[in-house]
Protein backbone atom coordinates (compact mmCIF):
# COMPACT_ATOMS: atom_id res chain seq x y z
CA MET A 1 -3.24 24.69 -1.41
CA ASP A 2 -4.05 23.52 2.08
CA ASN A 3 -1.11 22.85 4.41
CA ASP A 4 -3.18 20.52 6.59
CA VAL A 5 -3.57 17.80 4.00
CA ALA A 6 -3.82 14.32 5.48
CA ALA A 7 -0.66 13.02 3.82
CA GLY A 8 1.48 15.91 5.00
CA ASN A 9 2.34 19.47 4.20
CA THR A 10 3.31 20.94 0.84
CA THR A 11 7.01 20.27 1.42
CA SER A 12 6.46 16.59 2.12
CA MET A 13 4.21 16.31 -0.95
CA LEU A 14 6.93 17.87 -3.11
CA GLY A 15 9.43 15.40 -1.66
CA GLN A 16 7.11 12.45 -2.26
CA LEU A 17 6.52 13.56 -5.87
CA ALA A 18 10.27 13.85 -6.44
CA LEU A 19 10.87 10.45 -4.85
CA GLY A 20 8.02 8.87 -6.79
CA LEU A 21 9.12 10.15 -10.20
CA THR A 22 12.74 9.22 -9.59
CA LEU A 23 11.91 5.74 -8.33
CA LEU A 24 9.55 5.18 -11.24
CA ALA A 25 12.17 6.19 -13.82
CA PHE A 26 14.92 4.19 -12.08
CA GLY A 27 12.65 1.17 -11.67
CA LEU A 28 11.28 1.11 -15.21
CA GLY A 29 14.82 1.46 -16.54
CA GLY A 30 15.89 -1.50 -14.42
CA THR A 31 13.08 -3.72 -15.68
CA GLY A 32 14.13 -3.59 -19.32
CA VAL A 33 10.45 -3.25 -20.29
CA ILE A 34 11.22 -0.26 -22.56
CA ASP A 35 13.66 -0.98 -25.39
CA ASN A 36 17.02 0.78 -25.13
CA VAL A 37 16.22 2.28 -21.70
CA ALA A 38 18.30 1.25 -18.69
CA ALA A 39 18.28 2.37 -15.08
CA SER A 40 21.38 4.48 -15.79
CA ASP A 41 19.30 6.50 -18.28
CA ALA A 42 17.51 7.96 -15.26
CA ALA A 43 20.77 9.56 -14.05
CA ALA A 44 19.84 13.16 -14.96
CA LEU A 45 16.41 12.83 -13.36
CA ALA A 46 17.97 11.18 -10.32
CA THR A 47 20.54 13.96 -9.99
CA TRP A 48 18.23 16.96 -10.28
CA VAL A 49 14.77 15.77 -9.23
CA GLY A 50 15.63 12.90 -6.91
CA GLY A 51 18.85 14.51 -5.68
CA VAL A 52 18.65 18.27 -5.57
CA ALA A 53 14.86 18.78 -5.32
CA LEU A 54 14.42 16.00 -2.76
CA PHE A 55 17.37 17.23 -0.70
CA LEU A 56 15.99 20.78 -0.70
CA ALA A 57 12.52 19.49 0.27
CA GLY A 58 14.22 17.65 3.14
CA LEU A 59 15.99 20.80 4.31
CA LEU A 60 12.71 22.75 4.15
CA ALA A 61 10.95 20.04 6.15
CA LEU A 62 13.72 20.08 8.75
CA HIS A 63 13.44 23.87 8.95
CA ALA A 64 9.67 23.54 9.46
CA GLY A 65 10.30 21.16 12.37
CA ASN A 66 9.40 17.91 10.62
CA GLY A 67 12.42 15.82 11.59
CA GLY A 68 11.25 12.48 10.19
CA THR A 69 10.29 13.69 6.73
CA GLY A 70 13.22 16.11 6.62
CA THR A 71 15.75 13.42 7.49
CA ALA A 72 14.25 10.94 5.02
CA HIS A 73 14.08 13.37 2.12
CA ALA A 74 17.52 14.90 2.72
CA ALA A 75 19.14 11.46 3.04
CA LEU A 76 17.36 10.12 -0.05
CA GLY A 77 18.27 13.30 -1.92
CA ALA A 78 21.92 12.63 -1.09
CA PHE A 79 21.51 9.04 -2.30
CA TRP A 80 19.93 10.00 -5.62
CA PHE A 81 22.42 12.81 -6.25
CA THR A 82 25.33 10.46 -5.59
CA TRP A 83 23.84 7.69 -7.72
CA GLY A 84 22.91 10.07 -10.54
CA THR A 85 26.33 11.66 -10.79
CA GLY A 86 28.15 8.32 -10.63
CA ALA A 87 25.81 6.07 -12.65
CA GLY A 88 27.72 3.91 -15.04
CA GLY A 89 31.16 4.98 -13.83
CA ALA A 90 31.79 2.30 -11.22
CA SER A 91 32.47 -1.42 -11.32
CA ALA A 92 29.62 -3.85 -10.73
CA GLU A 93 31.07 -4.70 -7.32
CA ALA A 94 31.30 -1.03 -6.28
CA SER A 95 27.76 -0.42 -7.55
CA GLY A 96 26.48 -3.44 -5.66
CA LEU A 97 28.15 -2.33 -2.44
CA PHE A 98 26.81 1.22 -2.90
CA LEU A 99 23.25 -0.08 -3.37
CA LEU A 100 23.51 -2.39 -0.36
CA LEU A 101 24.76 0.43 1.87
CA TRP A 102 21.87 2.64 0.78
CA ALA A 103 19.48 -0.27 1.28
CA MET A 104 20.47 -0.04 4.94
CA LEU A 105 19.30 3.59 4.93
CA ALA A 106 16.01 2.54 3.37
CA LEU A 107 15.62 -0.11 6.07
CA THR A 108 16.24 2.54 8.75
CA LEU A 109 13.62 4.80 7.13
CA THR A 110 11.19 1.88 7.01
CA MET A 111 11.59 1.23 10.72
CA ALA A 112 11.39 4.95 11.56
CA ALA A 113 8.14 5.33 9.58
CA LYS A 114 6.36 2.77 11.79
CA GLY A 115 2.67 3.55 11.88
CA SER A 116 2.68 5.85 8.85
CA GLY A 117 0.90 3.31 6.66
CA LEU A 118 1.35 2.30 3.04
CA PHE A 119 2.47 5.66 1.75
CA GLY A 120 5.17 6.07 4.38
CA GLN A 121 6.48 2.80 5.62
CA GLY A 122 5.34 0.94 2.50
CA VAL A 123 7.29 3.12 0.06
CA TYR A 124 10.45 2.93 2.16
CA GLY A 125 10.02 -0.82 2.63
CA LEU A 126 9.67 -1.35 -1.12
CA LEU A 127 12.71 0.88 -1.70
CA PHE A 128 14.68 -1.28 0.74
CA VAL A 129 13.75 -4.49 -1.08
CA ALA A 130 14.49 -2.91 -4.49
CA LEU A 131 17.93 -1.67 -3.43
CA LEU A 132 18.71 -4.99 -1.74
CA LEU A 133 17.83 -6.96 -4.89
CA ASP A 134 19.67 -4.50 -7.14
CA GLY A 135 22.74 -4.61 -4.91
CA ILE A 136 22.85 -8.39 -4.67
CA GLY A 137 22.14 -8.63 -8.41
CA ALA A 138 25.07 -6.31 -9.19
CA LEU A 139 27.45 -8.20 -6.89
CA ALA A 140 26.37 -11.61 -8.20
CA GLY A 141 26.07 -10.55 -11.84
CA ASN A 142 22.45 -11.69 -11.76
CA GLY A 143 20.29 -9.68 -14.16
CA GLY A 144 17.13 -11.40 -12.94
CA LEU A 145 17.55 -10.00 -9.43
CA ALA A 146 18.23 -6.54 -10.85
CA LYS A 147 15.10 -6.78 -13.00
CA ALA A 148 13.02 -7.83 -9.97
CA GLY A 149 14.49 -4.89 -8.06
CA GLY A 150 13.49 -2.63 -10.93
CA TRP A 151 9.88 -3.77 -10.78
CA ILE A 152 9.76 -3.26 -7.02
CA ALA A 153 11.30 0.22 -7.39
CA ALA A 154 8.68 1.07 -10.03
CA VAL A 155 5.88 -0.04 -7.68
CA ALA A 156 7.44 2.03 -4.87
CA GLY A 157 7.59 5.00 -7.24
CA LEU A 158 3.93 4.61 -8.14
CA ALA A 159 2.98 4.37 -4.46
CA ALA A 160 4.97 7.52 -3.59
CA TRP A 161 3.53 9.36 -6.58
CA TYR A 162 -0.03 8.28 -5.69
CA GLY A 163 0.41 9.30 -2.06
CA ALA A 164 1.55 12.80 -3.03
CA THR A 165 -1.05 13.18 -5.77
CA ALA A 166 -3.80 11.96 -3.46
CA ALA A 167 -2.78 14.54 -0.88
CA VAL A 168 -2.82 17.36 -3.43
CA ALA A 169 -6.09 16.22 -5.03
CA HIS A 170 -7.70 15.19 -1.71
CA TRP A 171 -8.17 11.62 -2.90
CA PRO A 172 -8.60 8.74 -0.46
CA MET A 173 -5.37 7.63 1.21
CA SER A 174 -6.62 4.25 2.38
CA LEU A 175 -8.98 1.57 1.24
CA GLY A 176 -11.42 1.49 4.11
CA ARG A 177 -13.82 -1.35 4.65
CA MET A 178 -17.31 -0.93 3.37
CA SER A 179 -19.87 -0.86 6.11
CA ARG A 180 -22.17 -3.86 6.38
CA LYS A 181 -25.11 -1.70 5.29
CA ASN A 182 -23.26 -0.54 2.12
CA ALA A 183 -22.02 -4.04 1.39
CA THR A 184 -25.49 -5.55 1.52
CA ALA A 185 -26.98 -2.69 -0.51
CA THR A 186 -24.57 -3.37 -3.39
CA THR A 187 -25.21 -7.10 -3.53
């Protein structure tokens, strides 16, 4: 595998895969689209894949000198580990506060990823919105907000997964404009 892949090195791809899978499981559970599956059912995945694997990928990235990716993955690993080990054991108010505090981290990561495009800033921005809606939904007892947060988390998970998969498979990372010559040739 090539370490000079456009989306980042192997460590960042591992981190993005872990983030993507965890967000997708958490998000789909929060939507209620699958019978008898809730966001809390993603706790084991969140603990081990989103928590431990993502945290380790962050430490490896920090060791390799990639401060931005390392900080993001280690911090998100801590979030997922904490959420996964405590899912279902706290009051709605405590859960809402927890999600809002971690939404602030996602907002920080969004701002820090300025210029990194859809698969950097976009994933963190969607994570921020998802955690914000989930947190407010938990505090207000509003299942509709939590469901909307679940859908946004699922989209963020798909974007993170695609970004990592595209890097590994050398797929396009952006939707470039067709040149005028190509556009007229296809019409």
